[in-house]
Amino acid sequence: MFKPFRILYRIYVDGFRNIGITGKSLLIVLAVKLFIMFAILKIFFFPNFLKQNFDNDAERSDHVINQITNTK
C-alpha cells in the first residue's frame, strides 16, 4: 500500500539532491515569498474580524449566516 508513496518520495528526494545552484536559489526565494505572503501579511493586513467584534460563537455564526443570506 505504501510502495507508490515510497517511490514518489524517492523520486523527489533524488531530484532535490541533484538540483543545481540556480534551482536551489529559486526554491529559497519561493519559500521566503510564501512565508511572507502567508505569515507576515496575514498578521498585519487581515485581522480576525469575527473574534474582535463578537463575543461568542453563536454571535459569530449569526453574523456569517446573515452576511451569506443577505440579498440586496
C-alpha atoms as a PDB file:
ATOM      1  CA  MET A   1       0.000   0.000   0.000  1.00  0.00           C
ATOM      2  CA  PHE A   2       2.777   2.455   0.836  1.00  0.00           C
ATOM      3  CA  LYS A   3       5.000   1.386  -2.040  1.00  0.00           C
ATOM      4  CA  PRO A   4       3.769   4.063  -4.520  1.00  0.00           C
ATOM      5  CA  PHE A   5       4.284   6.770  -1.888  1.00  0.00           C
ATOM      6  CA  ARG A   6       7.762   5.482  -1.185  1.00  0.00           C
ATOM      7  CA  ILE A   7       8.598   5.544  -4.899  1.00  0.00           C
ATOM      8  CA  LEU A   8       7.334   9.122  -5.263  1.00  0.00           C
ATOM      9  CA  TYR A   9       9.254  10.176  -2.166  1.00  0.00           C
ATOM     10  CA  ARG A  10      12.484   8.727  -3.562  1.00  0.00           C
ATOM     11  CA  ILE A  11      11.924  10.482  -6.910  1.00  0.00           C
ATOM     12  CA  TYR A  12      11.529  13.859  -5.179  1.00  0.00           C
ATOM     13  CA  VAL A  13      14.493  13.315  -2.857  1.00  0.00           C
ATOM     14  CA  ASP A  14      16.689  12.297  -5.770  1.00  0.00           C
ATOM     15  CA  GLY A  15      15.542  15.306  -7.781  1.00  0.00           C
ATOM     16  CA  PHE A  16      16.251  17.772  -4.973  1.00  0.00           C
ATOM     17  CA  ARG A  17      19.598  16.164  -4.294  1.00  0.00           C
ATOM     18  CA  ASN A  18      20.705  16.616  -7.912  1.00  0.00           C
ATOM     19  CA  ILE A  19      19.321  20.130  -8.394  1.00  0.00           C
ATOM     20  CA  GLY A  20      21.726  22.874  -9.432  1.00  0.00           C
ATOM     21  CA  ILE A  21      22.605  26.081  -7.617  1.00  0.00           C
ATOM     22  CA  THR A  22      20.101  28.103  -9.654  1.00  0.00           C
ATOM     23  CA  GLY A  23      17.279  25.757  -8.746  1.00  0.00           C
ATOM     24  CA  LYS A  24      18.215  25.822  -5.070  1.00  0.00           C
ATOM     25  CA  SER A  25      18.287  29.606  -5.009  1.00  0.00           C
ATOM     26  CA  LEU A  26      14.905  29.749  -6.775  1.00  0.00           C
ATOM     27  CA  LEU A  27      13.429  27.358  -4.206  1.00  0.00           C
ATOM     28  CA  ILE A  28      14.773  29.527  -1.384  1.00  0.00           C
ATOM     29  CA  VAL A  29      13.270  32.657  -2.964  1.00  0.00           C
ATOM     30  CA  LEU A  30       9.959  30.836  -3.397  1.00  0.00           C
ATOM     31  CA  ALA A  31       9.957  29.657   0.229  1.00  0.00           C
ATOM     32  CA  VAL A  32      10.702  33.174   1.504  1.00  0.00           C
ATOM     33  CA  LYS A  33       7.935  34.673  -0.650  1.00  0.00           C
ATOM     34  CA  LEU A  34       5.412  32.101   0.568  1.00  0.00           C
ATOM     35  CA  PHE A  35       6.401  32.751   4.172  1.00  0.00           C
ATOM     36  CA  ILE A  36       5.957  36.496   3.687  1.00  0.00           C
ATOM     37  CA  MET A  37       2.599  36.057   1.965  1.00  0.00           C
ATOM     38  CA  PHE A  38       1.052  33.675   4.457  1.00  0.00           C
ATOM     39  CA  ALA A  39       2.678  34.617   7.759  1.00  0.00           C
ATOM     40  CA  ILE A  40       3.631  38.275   7.708  1.00  0.00           C
ATOM     41  CA  LEU A  41       0.845  39.723   5.551  1.00  0.00           C
ATOM     42  CA  LYS A  42      -1.861  37.783   7.375  1.00  0.00           C
ATOM     43  CA  ILE A  43      -0.796  39.189  10.715  1.00  0.00           C
ATOM     44  CA  PHE A  44      -0.749  42.836   9.626  1.00  0.00           C
ATOM     45  CA  PHE A  45      -3.409  43.127   6.922  1.00  0.00           C
ATOM     46  CA  PHE A  46      -6.036  40.521   7.767  1.00  0.00           C
ATOM     47  CA  PRO A  47      -7.130  40.855  11.401  1.00  0.00           C
ATOM     48  CA  ASN A  48      -9.594  38.400  12.873  1.00  0.00           C
ATOM     49  CA  PHE A  49     -12.771  40.446  12.320  1.00  0.00           C
ATOM     50  CA  LEU A  50     -15.157  37.965  13.922  1.00  0.00           C
ATOM     51  CA  LYS A  51     -13.078  37.473  17.058  1.00  0.00           C
ATOM     52  CA  GLN A  52     -12.725  41.235  17.564  1.00  0.00           C
ATOM     53  CA  ASN A  53     -16.370  42.187  17.011  1.00  0.00           C
ATOM     54  CA  PHE A  54     -18.298  39.293  18.546  1.00  0.00           C
ATOM     55  CA  ASP A  55     -18.035  37.682  21.957  1.00  0.00           C
ATOM     56  CA  ASN A  56     -19.088  34.079  21.351  1.00  0.00           C
ATOM     57  CA  ASP A  57     -19.530  31.522  18.590  1.00  0.00           C
ATOM     58  CA  ALA A  58     -23.301  31.974  18.388  1.00  0.00           C
ATOM     59  CA  GLU A  59     -22.971  35.667  17.559  1.00  0.00           C
ATOM     60  CA  ARG A  60     -20.242  34.928  15.022  1.00  0.00           C
ATOM     61  CA  SER A  61     -22.304  32.270  13.279  1.00  0.00           C
ATOM     62  CA  ASP A  62     -25.373  34.535  13.199  1.00  0.00           C
ATOM     63  CA  HIS A  63     -23.338  37.288  11.579  1.00  0.00           C
ATOM     64  CA  VAL A  64     -21.896  34.923   8.962  1.00  0.00           C
ATOM     65  CA  ILE A  65     -25.329  33.487   8.127  1.00  0.00           C
ATOM     66  CA  ASN A  66     -26.791  36.981   7.805  1.00  0.00           C
ATOM     67  CA  GLN A  67     -23.963  38.061   5.503  1.00  0.00           C
ATOM     68  CA  ILE A  68     -24.274  34.971   3.306  1.00  0.00           C
ATOM     69  CA  THR A  69     -28.051  35.050   3.005  1.00  0.00           C
ATOM     70  CA  ASN A  70     -28.347  38.830   2.719  1.00  0.00           C
ATOM     71  CA  THR A  71     -29.909  39.571  -0.676  1.00  0.00           C
ATOM     72  CA  LYS A  72     -29.758  43.102  -1.960  1.00  0.00           C
END
